[in-house]
């Protein structure tokens, strides 16, 4: 009897180990995915080897402002160069949704997003590292700005003082002040919020709704 019980226990132990091992192998196999695919949200982005056919690829670009700077040197005469100033992404408009980018990092401080300008000065616009929009425009609004605060704390004062369409030439290979310019016209000295709007229309069959990217920076008019 003891011998029979021992044999049965041995058989049951072997079966238990086999079943447990089989379960473990199935669990590991279930988590294995083909090379280049992760069965996750990245499969619907440009990171995937075969992006989803139902997703329209749109890469958010960076928008830089270009400004001519000139100083007079006692020994070198007039020295001129172009300063490149980045803007911050305020958010994305899509029909009834506004996807805001309200990060409180140091890049969102007013001090790092200010640009001194003169009346009737022209700034260059450079869009890079992303999808070129179908249309662009800029809006200038007088604002109350805490120079030691953040962009999120800015409040506008009344309606916009200017709206400027931007004719953008995407064929240009480098930044230039001859094309893709924005002329700054403000009524008086002071602080202004500059909003640059990049619009992607819905003419493409895969883009069902228009999208607008809004970038911001602070202009200090002298």
N, C-alpha and C. Protein backbone atom coordinates (compact mmCIF):
# COMPACT_ATOMS: atom_id res chain seq x y z
N UNK A 1 0.83 -1.20 0.00
CA UNK A 1 0.00 0.00 0.00
C UNK A 1 0.88 1.26 0.00
N UNK A 2 1.92 1.26 0.86
CA UNK A 2 2.81 2.41 0.90
C UNK A 2 3.51 2.61 -0.42
N UNK A 3 3.87 1.46 -1.04
CA UNK A 3 4.53 1.56 -2.35
C UNK A 3 3.60 2.14 -3.39
N UNK A 4 2.32 1.75 -3.36
CA UNK A 4 1.33 2.26 -4.32
C UNK A 4 1.10 3.76 -4.13
N UNK A 5 1.00 4.16 -2.85
CA UNK A 5 0.80 5.60 -2.57
C UNK A 5 2.00 6.41 -3.04
N UNK A 6 3.20 5.87 -2.84
CA UNK A 6 4.40 6.56 -3.28
C UNK A 6 4.45 6.73 -4.78
N UNK A 7 4.04 5.66 -5.49
CA UNK A 7 4.02 5.74 -6.95
C UNK A 7 3.01 6.78 -7.42
N UNK A 8 1.80 6.77 -6.80
CA UNK A 8 0.77 7.74 -7.19
C UNK A 8 1.23 9.18 -6.91
N UNK A 9 1.88 9.41 -5.76
CA UNK A 9 2.37 10.74 -5.42
C UNK A 9 3.43 11.20 -6.42
N UNK A 10 4.28 10.26 -6.84
CA UNK A 10 5.32 10.58 -7.83
C UNK A 10 4.71 10.99 -9.15
N UNK A 11 3.65 10.22 -9.55
CA UNK A 11 2.98 10.54 -10.82
C UNK A 11 2.30 11.90 -10.74
N UNK A 12 1.60 12.19 -9.62
CA UNK A 12 0.92 13.47 -9.45
C UNK A 12 1.90 14.64 -9.44
N UNK A 13 3.04 14.42 -8.79
CA UNK A 13 4.06 15.48 -8.74
C UNK A 13 4.59 15.78 -10.13
N UNK A 14 4.84 14.71 -10.92
CA UNK A 14 5.34 14.89 -12.28
C UNK A 14 4.34 15.64 -13.15
N UNK A 15 3.05 15.24 -13.00
CA UNK A 15 1.99 15.92 -13.78
C UNK A 15 1.88 17.39 -13.39
N UNK A 16 1.97 17.66 -12.07
CA UNK A 16 1.87 19.05 -11.59
C UNK A 16 3.00 19.91 -12.14
N UNK A 17 4.21 19.36 -12.10
CA UNK A 17 5.37 20.10 -12.63
C UNK A 17 5.22 20.34 -14.12
N UNK A 18 4.75 19.32 -14.84
CA UNK A 18 4.58 19.45 -16.29
C UNK A 18 3.55 20.51 -16.63
N UNK A 19 2.40 20.51 -15.90
CA UNK A 19 1.35 21.49 -16.15
C UNK A 19 1.84 22.90 -15.82
N UNK A 20 2.57 23.05 -14.71
CA UNK A 20 3.08 24.36 -14.31
C UNK A 20 4.07 24.90 -15.32
N UNK A 21 4.94 23.99 -15.78
CA UNK A 21 5.92 24.38 -16.79
C UNK A 21 5.24 24.77 -18.08
N UNK A 22 4.21 24.00 -18.47
CA UNK A 22 3.46 24.31 -19.69
C UNK A 22 2.78 25.66 -19.58
N UNK A 23 2.21 25.99 -18.41
CA UNK A 23 1.55 27.28 -18.19
C UNK A 23 2.55 28.42 -18.30
N UNK A 24 3.72 28.23 -17.73
CA UNK A 24 4.75 29.27 -17.80
C UNK A 24 5.16 29.54 -19.24
N UNK A 25 5.35 28.50 -20.02
CA UNK A 25 5.76 28.66 -21.41
C UNK A 25 4.69 29.39 -22.21
N UNK A 26 3.41 29.06 -21.99
CA UNK A 26 2.33 29.75 -22.70
C UNK A 26 2.30 31.22 -22.34
N UNK A 27 2.54 31.55 -21.06
CA UNK A 27 2.52 32.93 -20.61
C UNK A 27 3.64 33.73 -21.29
N UNK A 28 4.82 33.13 -21.38
CA UNK A 28 5.94 33.81 -22.04
C UNK A 28 5.65 34.00 -23.52
N UNK A 29 5.11 32.96 -24.19
CA UNK A 29 4.79 33.05 -25.61
C UNK A 29 3.76 34.15 -25.87
N UNK A 30 2.82 34.36 -24.94
CA UNK A 30 1.76 35.35 -25.12
C UNK A 30 2.32 36.76 -25.13
N UNK A 31 3.48 36.97 -24.50
CA UNK A 31 4.06 38.30 -24.43
C UNK A 31 5.09 38.54 -25.53
N UNK A 32 5.33 37.56 -26.35
CA UNK A 32 6.30 37.71 -27.43
C UNK A 32 5.61 38.34 -28.64
N UNK A 33 6.23 39.38 -29.21
CA UNK A 33 5.65 40.07 -30.37
C UNK A 33 6.66 40.05 -31.51
N UNK A 34 6.20 40.17 -32.74
CA UNK A 34 7.12 40.18 -33.88
C UNK A 34 8.11 41.33 -33.78
N UNK A 35 9.26 41.19 -34.39
CA UNK A 35 10.29 42.22 -34.37
C UNK A 35 9.76 43.50 -34.99
N UNK A 36 10.00 44.62 -34.32
CA UNK A 36 9.57 45.92 -34.85
C UNK A 36 8.16 46.32 -34.45
N UNK A 37 7.44 45.45 -33.77
CA UNK A 37 6.09 45.77 -33.30
C UNK A 37 6.01 45.46 -31.81
N UNK A 38 5.27 46.29 -31.07
CA UNK A 38 5.19 46.09 -29.63
C UNK A 38 3.76 45.86 -29.16
N UNK A 39 2.79 45.85 -30.09
CA UNK A 39 1.37 45.70 -29.72
C UNK A 39 1.00 46.75 -28.68
N UNK A 40 1.49 47.97 -28.90
CA UNK A 40 1.25 49.07 -27.96
C UNK A 40 1.00 50.33 -28.77
N UNK A 41 0.87 51.44 -28.09
CA UNK A 41 0.51 52.69 -28.76
C UNK A 41 1.58 53.10 -29.79
N UNK A 42 2.82 52.67 -29.61
CA UNK A 42 3.87 53.04 -30.57
C UNK A 42 3.62 52.45 -31.95
N UNK A 43 2.82 51.37 -32.02
CA UNK A 43 2.52 50.77 -33.32
C UNK A 43 1.73 51.72 -34.22
N UNK A 44 1.12 52.74 -33.63
CA UNK A 44 0.33 53.70 -34.40
C UNK A 44 1.10 54.98 -34.69
N UNK A 45 2.38 54.98 -34.40
CA UNK A 45 3.19 56.17 -34.61
C UNK A 45 4.27 55.90 -35.64
N UNK A 46 5.09 56.91 -35.87
CA UNK A 46 6.17 56.77 -36.85
C UNK A 46 7.28 55.85 -36.35
N UNK A 47 7.23 55.46 -35.07
CA UNK A 47 8.24 54.53 -34.54
C UNK A 47 8.00 53.11 -35.05
N UNK A 48 6.77 52.81 -35.45
CA UNK A 48 6.44 51.45 -35.85
C UNK A 48 7.01 51.14 -37.23
N UNK A 49 7.34 49.86 -37.46
CA UNK A 49 7.82 49.44 -38.78
C UNK A 49 6.69 49.48 -39.80
N UNK A 50 5.46 49.21 -39.33
CA UNK A 50 4.28 49.29 -40.19
C UNK A 50 3.21 50.09 -39.44
N UNK A 51 3.19 51.43 -39.57
CA UNK A 51 2.21 52.24 -38.84
C UNK A 51 0.77 51.89 -39.25
N UNK A 52 -0.15 52.19 -38.35
CA UNK A 52 -1.55 51.90 -38.60
C UNK A 52 -2.06 52.68 -39.81
N UNK A 53 -2.84 52.02 -40.68
CA UNK A 53 -3.39 52.68 -41.86
C UNK A 53 -4.49 53.66 -41.49
N UNK A 54 -4.99 53.58 -40.26
CA UNK A 54 -6.08 54.47 -39.84
C UNK A 54 -5.58 55.74 -39.17
N UNK A 55 -4.28 55.90 -39.09
CA UNK A 55 -3.71 57.05 -38.40
C UNK A 55 -2.99 57.95 -39.40
N UNK A 56 -3.27 59.24 -39.31
CA UNK A 56 -2.59 60.23 -40.15
C UNK A 56 -1.34 60.72 -39.43
N UNK A 57 -0.20 60.61 -40.07
CA UNK A 57 1.05 61.04 -39.45
C UNK A 57 1.20 62.55 -39.52
N UNK A 58 1.36 63.19 -38.38
CA UNK A 58 1.56 64.63 -38.31
C UNK A 58 2.56 64.92 -37.21
N UNK A 59 3.75 65.37 -37.58
CA UNK A 59 4.78 65.66 -36.59
C UNK A 59 4.75 67.14 -36.26
N UNK A 60 4.64 67.45 -34.98
CA UNK A 60 4.59 68.85 -34.55
C UNK A 60 5.97 69.49 -34.74
N UNK A 61 6.05 70.56 -35.52
CA UNK A 61 7.36 71.18 -35.79
C UNK A 61 7.74 72.18 -34.70
N UNK A 62 8.95 72.66 -34.78
CA UNK A 62 9.37 73.78 -33.93
C UNK A 62 9.27 75.06 -34.75
N UNK A 63 8.97 76.16 -34.08
CA UNK A 63 8.83 77.45 -34.74
C UNK A 63 9.82 78.42 -34.11
N UNK A 64 10.72 78.96 -34.92
CA UNK A 64 11.72 79.90 -34.44
C UNK A 64 11.51 81.26 -35.09
N UNK A 65 11.79 82.31 -34.32
CA UNK A 65 11.77 83.68 -34.83
C UNK A 65 13.20 84.12 -35.10
N UNK A 66 13.41 84.78 -36.24
CA UNK A 66 14.73 85.26 -36.63
C UNK A 66 14.75 86.78 -36.58
N UNK A 67 15.77 87.34 -35.93
CA UNK A 67 15.84 88.78 -35.72
C UNK A 67 17.22 89.30 -36.09
N UNK A 68 17.25 90.37 -36.89
CA UNK A 68 18.51 91.02 -37.24
C UNK A 68 19.03 91.82 -36.05
N UNK A 69 20.27 91.60 -35.68
CA UNK A 69 20.89 92.35 -34.59
C UNK A 69 22.09 93.11 -35.15
N UNK A 70 22.26 94.36 -34.71
CA UNK A 70 23.38 95.18 -35.17
C UNK A 70 23.94 95.98 -33.99
N UNK A 71 25.25 95.98 -33.87
CA UNK A 71 25.92 96.82 -32.87
C UNK A 71 27.03 97.59 -33.57
N UNK A 72 27.37 98.71 -32.97
CA UNK A 72 28.44 99.55 -33.53
C UNK A 72 29.69 99.36 -32.66
N UNK A 73 30.75 98.88 -33.28
CA UNK A 73 32.01 98.67 -32.57
C UNK A 73 32.98 99.79 -32.92
N UNK A 74 33.69 100.26 -31.90
CA UNK A 74 34.65 101.35 -32.12
C UNK A 74 35.79 100.93 -33.02
N UNK A 75 36.07 99.63 -33.04
CA UNK A 75 37.19 99.15 -33.84
C UNK A 75 36.77 98.40 -35.10
N UNK A 76 35.59 97.76 -35.05
CA UNK A 76 35.15 96.93 -36.18
C UNK A 76 34.03 97.55 -37.00
N UNK A 77 33.51 98.69 -36.55
CA UNK A 77 32.40 99.31 -37.27
C UNK A 77 31.08 98.60 -36.94
N UNK A 78 30.17 98.53 -37.90
CA UNK A 78 28.87 97.88 -37.69
C UNK A 78 29.03 96.36 -37.77
N UNK A 79 28.55 95.69 -36.75
CA UNK A 79 28.56 94.23 -36.72
C UNK A 79 27.12 93.74 -36.73
N UNK A 80 26.78 92.87 -37.67
CA UNK A 80 25.40 92.38 -37.81
C UNK A 80 25.37 90.86 -37.78
N UNK A 81 24.30 90.32 -37.22
CA UNK A 81 24.08 88.88 -37.21
C UNK A 81 22.59 88.61 -37.03
N UNK A 82 22.20 87.37 -37.19
CA UNK A 82 20.80 86.98 -37.02
C UNK A 82 20.66 86.15 -35.75
N UNK A 83 19.79 86.59 -34.85
CA UNK A 83 19.50 85.86 -33.63
C UNK A 83 18.29 84.95 -33.86
N UNK A 84 18.41 83.70 -33.41
CA UNK A 84 17.31 82.74 -33.54
C UNK A 84 16.66 82.55 -32.17
N UNK A 85 15.35 82.79 -32.10
CA UNK A 85 14.63 82.69 -30.83
C UNK A 85 13.49 81.69 -30.97
N UNK A 86 13.51 80.64 -30.16
CA UNK A 86 12.46 79.63 -30.21
C UNK A 86 11.17 80.11 -29.57
N UNK A 87 10.06 79.51 -29.96
CA UNK A 87 8.76 79.79 -29.35
C UNK A 87 8.29 78.56 -28.59
N UNK A 88 7.31 78.74 -27.72
CA UNK A 88 6.77 77.64 -26.92
C UNK A 88 5.43 77.20 -27.50
N UNK A 89 5.19 75.89 -27.54
CA UNK A 89 3.90 75.37 -27.98
C UNK A 89 2.87 75.61 -26.89
N UNK A 90 1.86 76.43 -27.20
CA UNK A 90 0.78 76.69 -26.25
C UNK A 90 -0.20 75.51 -26.22
N UNK A 91 -0.51 74.97 -27.40
CA UNK A 91 -1.43 73.83 -27.45
C UNK A 91 -1.90 73.55 -28.86
N UNK A 92 -2.82 72.58 -28.96
CA UNK A 92 -3.36 72.13 -30.24
C UNK A 92 -4.87 72.27 -30.22
N UNK A 93 -5.42 72.95 -31.25
CA UNK A 93 -6.86 73.10 -31.39
C UNK A 93 -7.37 72.08 -32.40
N UNK A 94 -8.41 71.33 -32.01
CA UNK A 94 -9.04 70.38 -32.90
C UNK A 94 -10.53 70.41 -32.66
N UNK A 95 -11.25 71.13 -33.53
CA UNK A 95 -12.69 71.30 -33.41
C UNK A 95 -13.04 71.82 -32.02
N UNK A 96 -13.72 71.01 -31.19
CA UNK A 96 -14.14 71.49 -29.88
C UNK A 96 -13.15 71.16 -28.76
N UNK A 97 -11.96 70.69 -29.13
CA UNK A 97 -10.97 70.32 -28.12
C UNK A 97 -9.75 71.23 -28.20
N UNK A 98 -9.24 71.61 -27.03
CA UNK A 98 -7.97 72.31 -26.95
C UNK A 98 -7.04 71.46 -26.09
N UNK A 99 -5.97 70.94 -26.70
CA UNK A 99 -5.00 70.12 -25.99
C UNK A 99 -3.87 71.02 -25.54
N UNK A 100 -3.94 71.48 -24.31
CA UNK A 100 -3.00 72.48 -23.82
C UNK A 100 -1.68 71.90 -23.37
N UNK A 101 -0.62 72.67 -23.55
CA UNK A 101 0.71 72.28 -23.10
C UNK A 101 1.12 73.25 -22.00
N UNK A 102 0.71 72.95 -20.76
CA UNK A 102 0.94 73.87 -19.66
C UNK A 102 2.00 73.36 -18.69
N UNK A 103 3.09 72.85 -19.24
CA UNK A 103 4.20 72.40 -18.41
C UNK A 103 4.77 73.59 -17.65
N UNK A 104 5.22 73.34 -16.42
CA UNK A 104 5.78 74.42 -15.61
C UNK A 104 7.30 74.36 -15.55
N UNK A 105 7.94 73.76 -16.54
CA UNK A 105 9.39 73.69 -16.56
C UNK A 105 10.01 75.05 -16.79
N UNK A 106 11.34 75.13 -16.68
CA UNK A 106 12.03 76.41 -16.82
C UNK A 106 11.83 77.01 -18.20
N UNK A 107 11.60 76.16 -19.22
CA UNK A 107 11.39 76.68 -20.57
C UNK A 107 10.12 77.48 -20.70
N UNK A 108 9.20 77.37 -19.73
CA UNK A 108 7.93 78.09 -19.79
C UNK A 108 8.01 79.43 -19.07
N UNK A 109 9.16 79.81 -18.56
CA UNK A 109 9.28 81.09 -17.87
C UNK A 109 9.31 82.23 -18.89
N UNK A 110 8.77 83.37 -18.48
CA UNK A 110 8.74 84.54 -19.36
C UNK A 110 10.15 84.99 -19.71
N UNK A 111 11.05 84.93 -18.73
CA UNK A 111 12.42 85.43 -18.94
C UNK A 111 13.12 84.73 -20.10
N UNK A 112 12.79 83.46 -20.36
CA UNK A 112 13.43 82.72 -21.45
C UNK A 112 12.64 82.79 -22.74
N UNK A 113 11.54 83.50 -22.75
CA UNK A 113 10.69 83.57 -23.94
C UNK A 113 10.34 85.01 -24.31
N UNK A 114 11.28 85.92 -24.07
CA UNK A 114 11.08 87.33 -24.38
C UNK A 114 11.93 87.73 -25.58
N UNK A 115 11.40 88.64 -26.37
CA UNK A 115 12.14 89.15 -27.53
C UNK A 115 11.91 90.64 -27.64
N UNK A 116 12.99 91.43 -27.58
CA UNK A 116 12.90 92.88 -27.74
C UNK A 116 12.71 93.23 -29.21
N UNK A 117 11.78 94.13 -29.50
CA UNK A 117 11.50 94.51 -30.88
C UNK A 117 11.37 96.02 -31.00
N UNK A 118 11.44 96.50 -32.24
CA UNK A 118 11.20 97.90 -32.57
C UNK A 118 9.91 98.00 -33.39
N UNK A 119 9.29 99.16 -33.35
CA UNK A 119 8.08 99.37 -34.16
C UNK A 119 8.37 99.15 -35.64
N UNK A 120 7.48 98.42 -36.31
CA UNK A 120 7.59 98.12 -37.75
C UNK A 120 8.79 97.22 -38.08
N UNK A 121 9.31 96.53 -37.10
CA UNK A 121 10.42 95.61 -37.35
C UNK A 121 9.89 94.32 -37.96
N UNK A 122 10.69 93.71 -38.82
CA UNK A 122 10.31 92.44 -39.44
C UNK A 122 11.10 91.30 -38.80
N UNK A 123 10.38 90.24 -38.47
CA UNK A 123 11.01 89.04 -37.92
C UNK A 123 10.89 87.92 -38.94
N UNK A 124 11.90 87.09 -39.02
CA UNK A 124 11.81 85.93 -39.87
C UNK A 124 11.11 84.79 -39.14
N UNK A 125 10.50 83.88 -39.89
CA UNK A 125 9.83 82.71 -39.33
C UNK A 125 10.48 81.45 -39.91
N UNK A 126 10.85 80.53 -39.03
CA UNK A 126 11.43 79.27 -39.49
C UNK A 126 10.66 78.11 -38.87
N UNK A 127 10.08 77.26 -39.71
CA UNK A 127 9.38 76.06 -39.26
C UNK A 127 10.24 74.86 -39.63
N UNK A 128 10.60 74.06 -38.64
CA UNK A 128 11.53 72.96 -38.92
C UNK A 128 11.20 71.74 -38.07
N UNK A 129 11.70 70.58 -38.53
CA UNK A 129 11.59 69.36 -37.76
C UNK A 129 10.20 68.77 -37.70
N UNK A 130 9.32 69.13 -38.62
CA UNK A 130 7.98 68.59 -38.56
C UNK A 130 7.22 68.80 -39.86
N UNK A 131 5.92 68.60 -39.83
CA UNK A 131 5.08 68.73 -41.02
C UNK A 131 4.83 70.20 -41.32
N UNK A 132 5.05 70.59 -42.57
CA UNK A 132 4.82 71.98 -42.98
C UNK A 132 3.32 72.23 -43.06
N UNK A 133 2.81 73.30 -42.43
CA UNK A 133 1.36 73.54 -42.40
C UNK A 133 0.82 74.01 -43.74
N UNK A 134 -0.50 73.95 -43.88
CA UNK A 134 -1.16 74.44 -45.08
C UNK A 134 -1.28 75.96 -45.07
N UNK A 135 -1.38 76.56 -43.89
CA UNK A 135 -1.44 78.02 -43.78
C UNK A 135 -0.91 78.44 -42.42
N UNK A 136 -0.47 79.71 -42.37
CA UNK A 136 0.09 80.26 -41.13
C UNK A 136 -0.38 81.69 -40.96
N UNK A 137 -0.53 82.10 -39.71
CA UNK A 137 -0.79 83.50 -39.42
C UNK A 137 -0.30 83.80 -38.01
N UNK A 138 -0.20 85.09 -37.69
CA UNK A 138 0.25 85.50 -36.36
C UNK A 138 -0.73 86.52 -35.81
N UNK A 139 -0.92 86.49 -34.50
CA UNK A 139 -1.76 87.46 -33.81
C UNK A 139 -0.94 88.11 -32.70
N UNK A 140 -1.14 89.42 -32.53
CA UNK A 140 -0.43 90.18 -31.50
C UNK A 140 -1.46 90.79 -30.57
N UNK A 141 -1.33 90.51 -29.27
CA UNK A 141 -2.29 91.00 -28.28
C UNK A 141 -1.53 91.69 -27.16
N UNK A 142 -1.97 92.89 -26.78
CA UNK A 142 -1.35 93.57 -25.65
C UNK A 142 -1.61 92.74 -24.39
N UNK A 143 -0.61 92.65 -23.52
CA UNK A 143 -0.73 91.75 -22.39
C UNK A 143 -0.09 92.32 -21.13
N UNK A 144 -0.55 91.78 -20.01
CA UNK A 144 0.06 92.08 -18.72
C UNK A 144 1.00 90.93 -18.39
N UNK A 145 2.29 91.26 -18.28
CA UNK A 145 3.32 90.23 -18.18
C UNK A 145 4.16 90.43 -16.93
N UNK A 146 4.29 89.39 -16.15
CA UNK A 146 5.22 89.36 -15.02
C UNK A 146 6.53 88.80 -15.53
N UNK A 147 7.54 89.65 -15.62
CA UNK A 147 8.82 89.22 -16.20
C UNK A 147 9.48 88.09 -15.41
N UNK A 148 9.11 87.93 -14.14
CA UNK A 148 9.67 86.87 -13.31
C UNK A 148 8.73 85.67 -13.19
N UNK A 149 7.63 85.70 -13.94
CA UNK A 149 6.64 84.64 -13.85
C UNK A 149 6.73 83.66 -15.00
N UNK A 150 5.62 82.98 -15.24
CA UNK A 150 5.55 81.97 -16.30
C UNK A 150 4.60 82.44 -17.41
N UNK A 151 4.69 81.78 -18.55
CA UNK A 151 3.80 82.11 -19.66
C UNK A 151 2.34 81.86 -19.30
N UNK A 152 2.08 80.88 -18.45
CA UNK A 152 0.70 80.56 -18.07
C UNK A 152 0.05 81.67 -17.25
N UNK A 153 0.85 82.57 -16.69
CA UNK A 153 0.31 83.64 -15.84
C UNK A 153 0.00 84.91 -16.63
N UNK A 154 0.30 84.93 -17.91
CA UNK A 154 0.06 86.12 -18.73
C UNK A 154 -1.44 86.34 -18.94
N UNK A 155 -1.89 87.58 -18.79
CA UNK A 155 -3.29 87.92 -19.10
C UNK A 155 -3.31 88.94 -20.22
N UNK A 156 -4.23 88.77 -21.16
CA UNK A 156 -4.33 89.70 -22.28
C UNK A 156 -5.14 90.93 -21.88
N UNK A 157 -4.85 92.05 -22.54
CA UNK A 157 -5.53 93.32 -22.25
C UNK A 157 -6.29 93.76 -23.50
N UNK A 158 -7.55 93.39 -23.58
CA UNK A 158 -8.35 93.79 -24.72
C UNK A 158 -8.16 92.88 -25.92
N UNK A 159 -8.74 93.26 -27.04
CA UNK A 159 -8.65 92.44 -28.26
C UNK A 159 -7.27 92.53 -28.90
N UNK A 160 -7.03 91.68 -29.88
CA UNK A 160 -5.74 91.69 -30.58
C UNK A 160 -5.55 93.01 -31.30
N UNK A 161 -4.30 93.44 -31.39
CA UNK A 161 -3.99 94.70 -32.05
C UNK A 161 -3.54 94.48 -33.49
N UNK A 162 -3.22 93.22 -33.83
CA UNK A 162 -2.79 92.95 -35.21
C UNK A 162 -2.96 91.46 -35.52
N UNK A 163 -3.30 91.18 -36.77
CA UNK A 163 -3.33 89.82 -37.28
C UNK A 163 -2.62 89.82 -38.62
N UNK A 164 -1.59 88.99 -38.74
CA UNK A 164 -0.72 89.03 -39.91
C UNK A 164 -0.66 87.66 -40.57
N UNK A 165 -1.06 87.54 -41.85
CA UNK A 165 -0.87 86.26 -42.54
C UNK A 165 0.61 86.06 -42.84
N UNK A 166 1.05 84.81 -42.84
CA UNK A 166 2.45 84.49 -43.11
C UNK A 166 2.51 83.63 -44.38
N UNK A 167 3.18 84.14 -45.40
CA UNK A 167 3.38 83.39 -46.62
C UNK A 167 4.68 82.62 -46.48
N UNK A 168 4.57 81.31 -46.31
CA UNK A 168 5.74 80.51 -45.97
C UNK A 168 6.23 79.72 -47.18
N UNK A 169 7.50 79.84 -47.47
CA UNK A 169 8.11 79.12 -48.58
C UNK A 169 8.90 77.94 -48.03
N UNK A 170 8.36 76.73 -48.16
CA UNK A 170 8.98 75.55 -47.58
C UNK A 170 10.17 75.06 -48.39
N UNK A 171 10.40 75.63 -49.57
CA UNK A 171 11.50 75.17 -50.41
C UNK A 171 12.84 75.75 -49.98
N UNK A 172 12.81 76.76 -49.11
CA UNK A 172 14.06 77.38 -48.68
C UNK A 172 14.88 76.39 -47.86
N UNK A 173 16.17 76.32 -48.13
CA UNK A 173 17.03 75.35 -47.46
C UNK A 173 17.57 75.86 -46.13
N UNK A 174 17.51 77.15 -45.89
CA UNK A 174 18.04 77.70 -44.65
C UNK A 174 17.27 78.94 -44.24
N UNK A 175 17.47 79.42 -43.03
CA UNK A 175 16.76 80.62 -42.57
C UNK A 175 17.17 81.84 -43.37
N UNK A 176 16.22 82.72 -43.58
CA UNK A 176 16.47 83.94 -44.34
C UNK A 176 15.55 85.04 -43.85
N UNK A 177 15.97 86.28 -44.03
CA UNK A 177 15.13 87.41 -43.65
C UNK A 177 14.44 88.00 -44.86
N UNK A 178 14.66 87.45 -46.05
CA UNK A 178 14.04 87.97 -47.26
C UNK A 178 12.64 87.41 -47.48
N UNK A 179 12.40 86.17 -47.05
CA UNK A 179 11.08 85.56 -47.17
C UNK A 179 10.65 85.01 -45.82
N UNK A 180 9.39 84.59 -45.76
CA UNK A 180 8.84 84.04 -44.52
C UNK A 180 9.01 85.03 -43.37
N UNK A 181 8.55 86.25 -43.58
CA UNK A 181 8.74 87.29 -42.58
C UNK A 181 7.42 87.68 -41.92
N UNK A 182 7.54 88.24 -40.74
CA UNK A 182 6.40 88.73 -39.96
C UNK A 182 6.70 90.16 -39.55
N UNK A 183 5.90 91.11 -40.03
CA UNK A 183 6.12 92.52 -39.70
C UNK A 183 5.37 92.87 -38.42
N UNK A 184 6.10 93.39 -37.44
CA UNK A 184 5.53 93.72 -36.14
C UNK A 184 5.06 95.17 -36.14
N UNK A 185 3.76 95.35 -35.94
CA UNK A 185 3.17 96.69 -35.84
C UNK A 185 2.34 96.75 -34.56
N UNK A 186 2.78 97.57 -33.62
CA UNK A 186 2.07 97.71 -32.34
C UNK A 186 1.79 99.19 -32.09
N UNK A 187 0.73 99.50 -31.33
CA UNK A 187 0.34 100.90 -31.15
C UNK A 187 1.25 101.70 -30.23
N UNK A 188 1.94 101.03 -29.31
CA UNK A 188 2.77 101.75 -28.35
C UNK A 188 3.80 100.80 -27.75
N UNK A 189 4.74 101.38 -27.02
CA UNK A 189 5.72 100.56 -26.31
C UNK A 189 5.02 99.75 -25.24
N UNK A 190 5.58 98.59 -24.91
CA UNK A 190 4.98 97.76 -23.87
C UNK A 190 5.14 96.29 -24.17
N UNK A 191 4.40 95.46 -23.44
CA UNK A 191 4.48 94.01 -23.56
C UNK A 191 3.33 93.47 -24.39
N UNK A 192 3.65 92.52 -25.26
CA UNK A 192 2.65 91.92 -26.14
C UNK A 192 2.86 90.41 -26.20
N UNK A 193 1.76 89.70 -26.39
CA UNK A 193 1.80 88.26 -26.58
C UNK A 193 1.69 87.97 -28.07
N UNK A 194 2.69 87.29 -28.60
CA UNK A 194 2.68 86.90 -30.01
C UNK A 194 2.26 85.44 -30.12
N UNK A 195 1.18 85.19 -30.86
CA UNK A 195 0.69 83.84 -31.10
C UNK A 195 0.88 83.51 -32.58
N UNK A 196 1.64 82.46 -32.86
CA UNK A 196 1.84 82.00 -34.23
C UNK A 196 1.00 80.74 -34.41
N UNK A 197 0.12 80.76 -35.42
CA UNK A 197 -0.82 79.67 -35.63
C UNK A 197 -0.49 78.91 -36.90
N UNK A 198 -0.27 77.60 -36.77
CA UNK A 198 -0.01 76.72 -37.90
C UNK A 198 -1.25 75.86 -38.11
N UNK A 199 -1.85 75.95 -39.29
CA UNK A 199 -3.09 75.23 -39.55
C UNK A 199 -2.88 74.12 -40.57
N UNK A 200 -3.45 72.96 -40.26
CA UNK A 200 -3.45 71.81 -41.16
C UNK A 200 -4.91 71.54 -41.54
N UNK A 201 -5.24 71.70 -42.82
CA UNK A 201 -6.64 71.57 -43.24
C UNK A 201 -7.03 70.12 -43.37
N UNK A 202 -8.28 69.89 -43.76
CA UNK A 202 -8.80 68.53 -43.89
C UNK A 202 -8.99 68.12 -45.35
N UNK A 203 -8.16 68.68 -46.24
CA UNK A 203 -8.25 68.29 -47.65
C UNK A 203 -7.74 66.87 -47.86
N UNK A 204 -6.81 66.45 -47.02
CA UNK A 204 -6.30 65.09 -47.14
C UNK A 204 -7.37 64.10 -46.71
N UNK A 205 -7.60 63.01 -47.47
CA UNK A 205 -8.63 62.04 -47.10
C UNK A 205 -8.41 61.42 -45.73
N UNK A 206 -7.15 61.36 -45.28
CA UNK A 206 -6.86 60.72 -44.01
C UNK A 206 -6.96 61.68 -42.83
N UNK A 207 -7.10 63.00 -43.10
CA UNK A 207 -7.25 63.98 -42.03
C UNK A 207 -8.69 64.43 -41.99
N UNK A 208 -9.45 63.89 -41.05
CA UNK A 208 -10.89 64.13 -41.02
C UNK A 208 -11.25 65.49 -40.45
N UNK A 209 -10.41 66.05 -39.57
CA UNK A 209 -10.70 67.34 -38.95
C UNK A 209 -9.47 68.25 -39.05
N UNK A 210 -9.69 69.54 -39.24
CA UNK A 210 -8.55 70.47 -39.28
C UNK A 210 -7.90 70.58 -37.91
N UNK A 211 -6.60 70.82 -37.91
CA UNK A 211 -5.84 71.00 -36.67
C UNK A 211 -5.11 72.33 -36.72
N UNK A 212 -5.00 73.00 -35.58
CA UNK A 212 -4.25 74.24 -35.48
C UNK A 212 -3.29 74.15 -34.31
N UNK A 213 -2.01 74.35 -34.59
CA UNK A 213 -0.99 74.40 -33.55
C UNK A 213 -0.74 75.86 -33.20
N UNK A 214 -0.70 76.18 -31.91
CA UNK A 214 -0.53 77.56 -31.47
C UNK A 214 0.76 77.68 -30.66
N UNK A 215 1.64 78.58 -31.10
CA UNK A 215 2.91 78.81 -30.42
C UNK A 215 2.91 80.23 -29.85
N UNK A 216 3.62 80.45 -28.76
CA UNK A 216 3.60 81.76 -28.12
C UNK A 216 4.99 82.24 -27.73
N UNK A 217 5.13 83.56 -27.69
CA UNK A 217 6.33 84.20 -27.15
C UNK A 217 5.93 85.60 -26.72
N UNK A 218 6.78 86.24 -25.94
CA UNK A 218 6.48 87.58 -25.42
C UNK A 218 7.33 88.60 -26.17
N UNK A 219 6.66 89.62 -26.72
CA UNK A 219 7.35 90.71 -27.40
C UNK A 219 7.41 91.92 -26.47
N UNK A 220 8.59 92.50 -26.36
CA UNK A 220 8.75 93.72 -25.58
C UNK A 220 9.09 94.84 -26.55
N UNK A 221 8.08 95.69 -26.81
CA UNK A 221 8.24 96.77 -27.79
C UNK A 221 8.86 97.98 -27.12
N UNK A 222 9.88 98.52 -27.77
CA UNK A 222 10.58 99.70 -27.21
C UNK A 222 10.05 100.99 -27.81
